[in-house]
Amino acid sequence: HFPNAASINGVAWRLSDVLGPIVAGGFIA
């Protein structure tokens, strides 16, 4: 099940990459 775990880890990691800049932009503004 590691390939599936790697994909899910990628989902979580990339979702954080989406939310992080939006959070940063909101705070800066």
Full PDB file with SEQRES, HELIX, SHEET, SSBOND, CRYST1, ORIGX, SCALE, CONECT and MASTER records, all heavy atoms in Angstrom:
SEQRES   1 A   29  HIS PHE PRO ASN ALA ALA SER ILE ASN GLY VAL ALA TRP          
SEQRES   2 A   29  ARG LEU SER ASP VAL LEU GLY PRO ILE VAL ALA GLY GLY          
SEQRES   3 A   29  PHE ILE ALA                                                  
HELIX    1 AA1 PHE A    2  ILE A   28  1                                  27    
CRYST1    1.000    1.000    1.000  90.00  90.00  90.00 P 1           1          
ORIGX1      1.000000  0.000000  0.000000        0.00000                         
ORIGX2      0.000000  1.000000  0.000000        0.00000                         
ORIGX3      0.000000  0.000000  1.000000        0.00000                         
SCALE1      1.000000  0.000000  0.000000        0.00000                         
SCALE2      0.000000  1.000000  0.000000        0.00000                         
SCALE3      0.000000  0.000000  1.000000        0.00000                         
ATOM      1  N   HIS A   1       0.820  -1.224   0.000  1.00  0.00           N  
ATOM      2  CA  HIS A   1       0.000   0.000   0.000  1.00  0.00           C  
ATOM      3  C   HIS A   1       0.847   1.264   0.000  1.00  0.00           C  
ATOM      4  O   HIS A   1       0.303   2.373   0.097  1.00  0.00           O  
ATOM      5  CB  HIS A   1      -0.932   0.007   1.214  1.00  0.00           C  
ATOM      6  CG  HIS A   1      -1.958  -1.089   1.198  1.00  0.00           C  
ATOM      7  ND1 HIS A   1      -2.665  -1.426   0.063  1.00  0.00           N  
ATOM      8  CD2 HIS A   1      -2.380  -1.941   2.178  1.00  0.00           C  
ATOM      9  CE1 HIS A   1      -3.490  -2.426   0.339  1.00  0.00           C  
ATOM     10  NE2 HIS A   1      -3.329  -2.756   1.612  1.00  0.00           N  
ATOM     11  N   PHE A   2       2.177   1.104  -0.099  1.00  0.00           N  
ATOM     12  CA  PHE A   2       3.015   2.310  -0.058  1.00  0.00           C  
ATOM     13  C   PHE A   2       2.777   3.259  -1.233  1.00  0.00           C  
ATOM     14  O   PHE A   2       2.747   4.478  -1.022  1.00  0.00           O  
ATOM     15  CB  PHE A   2       4.500   1.948   0.022  1.00  0.00           C  
ATOM     16  CG  PHE A   2       5.373   3.173  -0.035  1.00  0.00           C  
ATOM     17  CD1 PHE A   2       5.434   4.037   1.041  1.00  0.00           C  
ATOM     18  CD2 PHE A   2       6.096   3.471  -1.184  1.00  0.00           C  
ATOM     19  CE1 PHE A   2       6.221   5.186   0.983  1.00  0.00           C  
ATOM     20  CE2 PHE A   2       6.872   4.614  -1.255  1.00  0.00           C  
ATOM     21  CZ  PHE A   2       6.938   5.475  -0.164  1.00  0.00           C  
ATOM     22  N   PRO A   3       2.611   2.760  -2.483  1.00  0.00           N  
ATOM     23  CA  PRO A   3       2.313   3.722  -3.558  1.00  0.00           C  
ATOM     24  C   PRO A   3       1.078   4.570  -3.265  1.00  0.00           C  
ATOM     25  O   PRO A   3       1.050   5.765  -3.551  1.00  0.00           O  
ATOM     26  CB  PRO A   3       2.098   2.815  -4.779  1.00  0.00           C  
ATOM     27  CG  PRO A   3       2.929   1.607  -4.495  1.00  0.00           C  
ATOM     28  CD  PRO A   3       2.774   1.396  -3.015  1.00  0.00           C  
ATOM     29  N   ASN A   4       0.045   3.948  -2.655  1.00  0.00           N  
ATOM     30  CA  ASN A   4      -1.145   4.709  -2.290  1.00  0.00           C  
ATOM     31  C   ASN A   4      -0.832   5.704  -1.179  1.00  0.00           C  
ATOM     32  O   ASN A   4      -1.303   6.849  -1.198  1.00  0.00           O  
ATOM     33  CB  ASN A   4      -2.254   3.750  -1.849  1.00  0.00           C  
ATOM     34  CG  ASN A   4      -3.536   4.469  -1.485  1.00  0.00           C  
ATOM     35  OD1 ASN A   4      -3.918   4.532  -0.320  1.00  0.00           O  
ATOM     36  ND2 ASN A   4      -4.212   5.034  -2.477  1.00  0.00           N  
ATOM     37  N   ALA A   5      -0.002   5.279  -0.192  1.00  0.00           N  
ATOM     38  CA  ALA A   5       0.395   6.188   0.884  1.00  0.00           C  
ATOM     39  C   ALA A   5       1.190   7.365   0.330  1.00  0.00           C  
ATOM     40  O   ALA A   5       1.021   8.509   0.779  1.00  0.00           O  
ATOM     41  CB  ALA A   5       1.224   5.435   1.926  1.00  0.00           C  
ATOM     42  N   ALA A   6       2.045   7.086  -0.657  1.00  0.00           N  
ATOM     43  CA  ALA A   6       2.830   8.160  -1.271  1.00  0.00           C  
ATOM     44  C   ALA A   6       1.915   9.156  -1.976  1.00  0.00           C  
ATOM     45  O   ALA A   6       2.143  10.373  -1.927  1.00  0.00           O  
ATOM     46  CB  ALA A   6       3.847   7.573  -2.255  1.00  0.00           C  
ATOM     47  N   SER A   7       0.876   8.651  -2.633  1.00  0.00           N  
ATOM     48  CA  SER A   7      -0.069   9.542  -3.313  1.00  0.00           C  
ATOM     49  C   SER A   7      -0.836  10.397  -2.311  1.00  0.00           C  
ATOM     50  O   SER A   7      -1.018  11.602  -2.512  1.00  0.00           O  
ATOM     51  CB  SER A   7      -1.049   8.727  -4.162  1.00  0.00           C  
ATOM     52  OG  SER A   7      -0.377   8.032  -5.183  1.00  0.00           O  
ATOM     53  N   ILE A   8      -1.291   9.770  -1.222  1.00  0.00           N  
ATOM     54  CA  ILE A   8      -2.030  10.519  -0.200  1.00  0.00           C  
ATOM     55  C   ILE A   8      -1.123  11.545   0.470  1.00  0.00           C  
ATOM     56  O   ILE A   8      -1.528  12.683   0.741  1.00  0.00           O  
ATOM     57  CB  ILE A   8      -2.631   9.554   0.839  1.00  0.00           C  
ATOM     58  CG1 ILE A   8      -3.703   8.684   0.172  1.00  0.00           C  
ATOM     59  CG2 ILE A   8      -3.212  10.314   2.024  1.00  0.00           C  
ATOM     60  CD1 ILE A   8      -4.200   7.563   1.036  1.00  0.00           C  
ATOM     61  N   ASN A   9       0.114  11.140   0.738  1.00  0.00           N  
ATOM     62  CA  ASN A   9       1.073  12.078   1.298  1.00  0.00           C  
ATOM     63  C   ASN A   9       1.266  13.258   0.341  1.00  0.00           C  
ATOM     64  O   ASN A   9       1.371  14.411   0.775  1.00  0.00           O  
ATOM     65  CB  ASN A   9       2.410  11.372   1.536  1.00  0.00           C  
ATOM     66  CG  ASN A   9       3.395  12.237   2.297  1.00  0.00           C  
ATOM     67  OD1 ASN A   9       3.058  12.825   3.325  1.00  0.00           O  
ATOM     68  ND2 ASN A   9       4.607  12.329   1.795  1.00  0.00           N  
ATOM     69  N   GLY A  10       1.258  12.957  -0.963  1.00  0.00           N  
ATOM     70  CA  GLY A  10       1.361  14.024  -1.955  1.00  0.00           C  
ATOM     71  C   GLY A  10       0.155  14.940  -1.937  1.00  0.00           C  
ATOM     72  O   GLY A  10       0.284  16.161  -2.082  1.00  0.00           O  
ATOM     73  N   VAL A  11      -1.044  14.355  -1.738  1.00  0.00           N  
ATOM     74  CA  VAL A  11      -2.263  15.172  -1.646  1.00  0.00           C  
ATOM     75  C   VAL A  11      -2.151  16.130  -0.459  1.00  0.00           C  
ATOM     76  O   VAL A  11      -2.396  17.339  -0.582  1.00  0.00           O  
ATOM     77  CB  VAL A  11      -3.510  14.285  -1.485  1.00  0.00           C  
ATOM     78  CG1 VAL A  11      -4.734  15.138  -1.162  1.00  0.00           C  
ATOM     79  CG2 VAL A  11      -3.764  13.489  -2.758  1.00  0.00           C  
ATOM     80  N   ALA A  12      -1.775  15.586   0.695  1.00  0.00           N  
ATOM     81  CA  ALA A  12      -1.676  16.412   1.902  1.00  0.00           C  
ATOM     82  C   ALA A  12      -0.604  17.488   1.739  1.00  0.00           C  
ATOM     83  O   ALA A  12      -0.809  18.654   2.115  1.00  0.00           O  
ATOM     84  CB  ALA A  12      -1.359  15.522   3.107  1.00  0.00           C  
ATOM     85  N   TRP A  13       0.528  17.091   1.175  1.00  0.00           N  
ATOM     86  CA  TRP A  13       1.631  18.039   1.007  1.00  0.00           C  
ATOM     87  C   TRP A  13       1.228  19.162   0.064  1.00  0.00           C  
ATOM     88  O   TRP A  13       1.467  20.337   0.336  1.00  0.00           O  
ATOM     89  CB  TRP A  13       2.862  17.301   0.489  1.00  0.00           C  
ATOM     90  CG  TRP A  13       4.117  18.122   0.566  1.00  0.00           C  
ATOM     91  CD1 TRP A  13       4.562  19.058  -0.318  1.00  0.00           C  
ATOM     92  CD2 TRP A  13       5.077  18.086   1.617  1.00  0.00           C  
ATOM     93  NE1 TRP A  13       5.737  19.604   0.092  1.00  0.00           N  
ATOM     94  CE2 TRP A  13       6.084  19.026   1.289  1.00  0.00           C  
ATOM     95  CE3 TRP A  13       5.208  17.347   2.792  1.00  0.00           C  
ATOM     96  CZ2 TRP A  13       7.195  19.249   2.104  1.00  0.00           C  
ATOM     97  CZ3 TRP A  13       6.323  17.573   3.595  1.00  0.00           C  
ATOM     98  CH2 TRP A  13       7.288  18.505   3.256  1.00  0.00           C  
ATOM     99  N   ARG A  14       0.608  18.792  -1.046  1.00  0.00           N  
ATOM    100  CA  ARG A  14       0.265  19.810  -2.044  1.00  0.00           C  
ATOM    101  C   ARG A  14      -0.930  20.655  -1.613  1.00  0.00           C  
ATOM    102  O   ARG A  14      -1.015  21.833  -1.983  1.00  0.00           O  
ATOM    103  CB  ARG A  14      -0.011  19.133  -3.386  1.00  0.00           C  
ATOM    104  CG  ARG A  14       1.250  18.535  -4.012  1.00  0.00           C  
ATOM    105  CD  ARG A  14       2.357  19.554  -4.079  1.00  0.00           C  
ATOM    106  NE  ARG A  14       3.514  19.052  -4.797  1.00  0.00           N  
ATOM    107  CZ  ARG A  14       4.586  19.780  -5.126  1.00  0.00           C  
ATOM    108  NH1 ARG A  14       4.615  21.055  -4.786  1.00  0.00           N  
ATOM    109  NH2 ARG A  14       5.589  19.254  -5.766  1.00  0.00           N  
ATOM    110  N   LEU A  15      -1.839  20.079  -0.847  1.00  0.00           N  
ATOM    111  CA  LEU A  15      -2.920  20.899  -0.310  1.00  0.00           C  
ATOM    112  C   LEU A  15      -2.342  21.971   0.616  1.00  0.00           C  
ATOM    113  O   LEU A  15      -2.798  23.118   0.623  1.00  0.00           O  
ATOM    114  CB  LEU A  15      -3.931  20.034   0.440  1.00  0.00           C  
ATOM    115  CG  LEU A  15      -5.137  20.771   1.036  1.00  0.00           C  
ATOM    116  CD1 LEU A  15      -5.898  21.549  -0.042  1.00  0.00           C  
ATOM    117  CD2 LEU A  15      -6.060  19.786   1.748  1.00  0.00           C  
ATOM    118  N   SER A  16      -1.313  21.594   1.374  1.00  0.00           N  
ATOM    119  CA  SER A  16      -0.653  22.590   2.219  1.00  0.00           C  
ATOM    120  C   SER A  16       0.042  23.646   1.371  1.00  0.00           C  
ATOM    121  O   SER A  16       0.114  24.822   1.750  1.00  0.00           O  
ATOM    122  CB  SER A  16       0.358  21.914   3.160  1.00  0.00           C  
ATOM    123  OG  SER A  16       1.467  21.396   2.456  1.00  0.00           O  
ATOM    124  N   ASP A  17       0.555  23.230   0.196  1.00  0.00           N  
ATOM    125  CA  ASP A  17       1.178  24.194  -0.718  1.00  0.00           C  
ATOM    126  C   ASP A  17       0.159  25.158  -1.310  1.00  0.00           C  
ATOM    127  O   ASP A  17       0.518  26.258  -1.727  1.00  0.00           O  
ATOM    128  CB  ASP A  17       1.889  23.458  -1.858  1.00  0.00           C  
ATOM    129  CG  ASP A  17       3.214  22.857  -1.419  1.00  0.00           C  
ATOM    130  OD1 ASP A  17       3.697  23.238  -0.342  1.00  0.00           O  
ATOM    131  OD2 ASP A  17       3.753  22.007  -2.147  1.00  0.00           O  
ATOM    132  N   VAL A  18      -1.102  24.727  -1.380  1.00  0.00           N  
ATOM    133  CA  VAL A  18      -2.169  25.615  -1.856  1.00  0.00           C  
ATOM    134  C   VAL A  18      -2.593  26.565  -0.742  1.00  0.00           C  
ATOM    135  O   VAL A  18      -2.676  27.787  -0.921  1.00  0.00           O  
ATOM    136  CB  VAL A  18      -3.390  24.801  -2.334  1.00  0.00           C  
ATOM    137  CG1 VAL A  18      -4.553  25.730  -2.666  1.00  0.00           C  
ATOM    138  CG2 VAL A  18      -3.019  23.975  -3.568  1.00  0.00           C  
ATOM    139  N   LEU A  19      -2.849  26.000   0.435  1.00  0.00           N  
ATOM    140  CA  LEU A  19      -3.378  26.810   1.534  1.00  0.00           C  
ATOM    141  C   LEU A  19      -2.336  27.754   2.113  1.00  0.00           C  
ATOM    142  O   LEU A  19      -2.657  28.890   2.498  1.00  0.00           O  
ATOM    143  CB  LEU A  19      -3.919  25.886   2.630  1.00  0.00           C  
ATOM    144  CG  LEU A  19      -5.107  25.003   2.233  1.00  0.00           C  
ATOM    145  CD1 LEU A  19      -5.510  24.102   3.401  1.00  0.00           C  
ATOM    146  CD2 LEU A  19      -6.287  25.863   1.798  1.00  0.00           C  
ATOM    147  N   GLY A  20      -1.083  27.307   2.176  1.00  0.00           N  
ATOM    148  CA  GLY A  20      -0.037  28.133   2.781  1.00  0.00           C  
ATOM    149  C   GLY A  20       0.117  29.504   2.135  1.00  0.00           C  
ATOM    150  O   GLY A  20       0.070  30.529   2.838  1.00  0.00           O  
ATOM    151  N   PRO A  21       0.304  29.581   0.803  1.00  0.00           N  
ATOM    152  CA  PRO A  21       0.431  30.899   0.171  1.00  0.00           C  
ATOM    153  C   PRO A  21      -0.829  31.753   0.302  1.00  0.00           C  
ATOM    154  O   PRO A  21      -0.744  32.976   0.441  1.00  0.00           O  
ATOM    155  CB  PRO A  21       0.699  30.561  -1.300  1.00  0.00           C  
ATOM    156  CG  PRO A  21       1.220  29.180  -1.295  1.00  0.00           C  
ATOM    157  CD  PRO A  21       0.550  28.496  -0.142  1.00  0.00           C  
ATOM    158  N   ILE A  22      -2.005  31.114   0.237  1.00  0.00           N  
ATOM    159  CA  ILE A  22      -3.253  31.873   0.386  1.00  0.00           C  
ATOM    160  C   ILE A  22      -3.339  32.463   1.794  1.00  0.00           C  
ATOM    161  O   ILE A  22      -3.709  33.633   1.984  1.00  0.00           O  
ATOM    162  CB  ILE A  22      -4.462  30.972   0.087  1.00  0.00           C  
ATOM    163  CG1 ILE A  22      -4.473  30.593  -1.399  1.00  0.00           C  
ATOM    164  CG2 ILE A  22      -5.758  31.667   0.471  1.00  0.00           C  
ATOM    165  CD1 ILE A  22      -5.547  29.608  -1.769  1.00  0.00           C  
ATOM    166  N   VAL A  23      -2.982  31.644   2.803  1.00  0.00           N  
ATOM    167  CA  VAL A  23      -2.947  32.145   4.181  1.00  0.00           C  
ATOM    168  C   VAL A  23      -1.946  33.292   4.298  1.00  0.00           C  
ATOM    169  O   VAL A  23      -2.245  34.341   4.892  1.00  0.00           O  
ATOM    170  CB  VAL A  23      -2.585  31.004   5.157  1.00  0.00           C  
ATOM    171  CG1 VAL A  23      -2.278  31.559   6.544  1.00  0.00           C  
ATOM    172  CG2 VAL A  23      -3.720  29.988   5.246  1.00  0.00           C  
ATOM    173  N   ALA A  24      -0.761  33.108   3.721  1.00  0.00           N  
ATOM    174  CA  ALA A  24       0.266  34.156   3.782  1.00  0.00           C  
ATOM    175  C   ALA A  24      -0.227  35.434   3.117  1.00  0.00           C  
ATOM    176  O   ALA A  24      -0.076  36.537   3.669  1.00  0.00           O  
ATOM    177  CB  ALA A  24       1.556  33.673   3.124  1.00  0.00           C  
ATOM    178  N   GLY A  25      -0.809  35.303   1.910  1.00  0.00           N  
ATOM    179  CA  GLY A  25      -1.317  36.470   1.206  1.00  0.00           C  
ATOM    180  C   GLY A  25      -2.405  37.181   1.990  1.00  0.00           C  
ATOM    181  O   GLY A  25      -2.448  38.420   2.043  1.00  0.00           O  
ATOM    182  N   GLY A  26      -3.284  36.411   2.639  1.00  0.00           N  
ATOM    183  CA  GLY A  26      -4.344  37.004   3.444  1.00  0.00           C  
ATOM    184  C   GLY A  26      -3.797  37.765   4.638  1.00  0.00           C  
ATOM    185  O   GLY A  26      -4.232  38.887   4.934  1.00  0.00           O  
ATOM    186  N   PHE A  27      -2.820  37.170   5.332  1.00  0.00           N  
ATOM    187  CA  PHE A  27      -2.218  37.850   6.476  1.00  0.00           C  
ATOM    188  C   PHE A  27      -1.484  39.122   6.035  1.00  0.00           C  
ATOM    189  O   PHE A  27      -1.599  40.174   6.672  1.00  0.00           O  
ATOM    190  CB  PHE A  27      -1.233  36.919   7.191  1.00  0.00           C  
ATOM    191  CG  PHE A  27      -1.879  35.972   8.171  1.00  0.00           C  
ATOM    192  CD1 PHE A  27      -1.668  34.604   8.076  1.00  0.00           C  
ATOM    193  CD2 PHE A  27      -2.684  36.452   9.193  1.00  0.00           C  
ATOM    194  CE1 PHE A  27      -2.252  33.731   8.975  1.00  0.00           C  
ATOM    195  CE2 PHE A  27      -3.287  35.590  10.107  1.00  0.00           C  
ATOM    196  CZ  PHE A  27      -3.066  34.224   9.997  1.00  0.00           C  
ATOM    197  N   ILE A  28      -0.708  39.017   4.937  1.00  0.00           N  
ATOM    198  CA  ILE A  28       0.062  40.180   4.465  1.00  0.00           C  
ATOM    199  C   ILE A  28      -0.870  41.323   4.083  1.00  0.00           C  
ATOM    200  O   ILE A  28      -0.599  42.497   4.367  1.00  0.00           O  
ATOM    201  CB  ILE A  28       0.949  39.778   3.270  1.00  0.00           C  
ATOM    202  CG1 ILE A  28       2.042  38.797   3.716  1.00  0.00           C  
ATOM    203  CG2 ILE A  28       1.603  41.018   2.636  1.00  0.00           C  
ATOM    204  CD1 ILE A  28       2.790  38.141   2.571  1.00  0.00           C  
ATOM    205  N   ALA A  29      -1.984  40.970   3.444  1.00  0.00           N  
ATOM    206  CA  ALA A  29      -2.937  42.004   3.012  1.00  0.00           C  
ATOM    207  C   ALA A  29      -3.711  42.608   4.168  1.00  0.00           C  
ATOM    208  O   ALA A  29      -4.345  43.663   4.011  1.00  0.00           O  
ATOM    209  CB  ALA A  29      -3.917  41.407   1.992  1.00  0.00           C  
TER     210      ALA A  29                                                      
MASTER        0    0    0    1    0    0    0    6  209    1    0    3          
END                                                                             
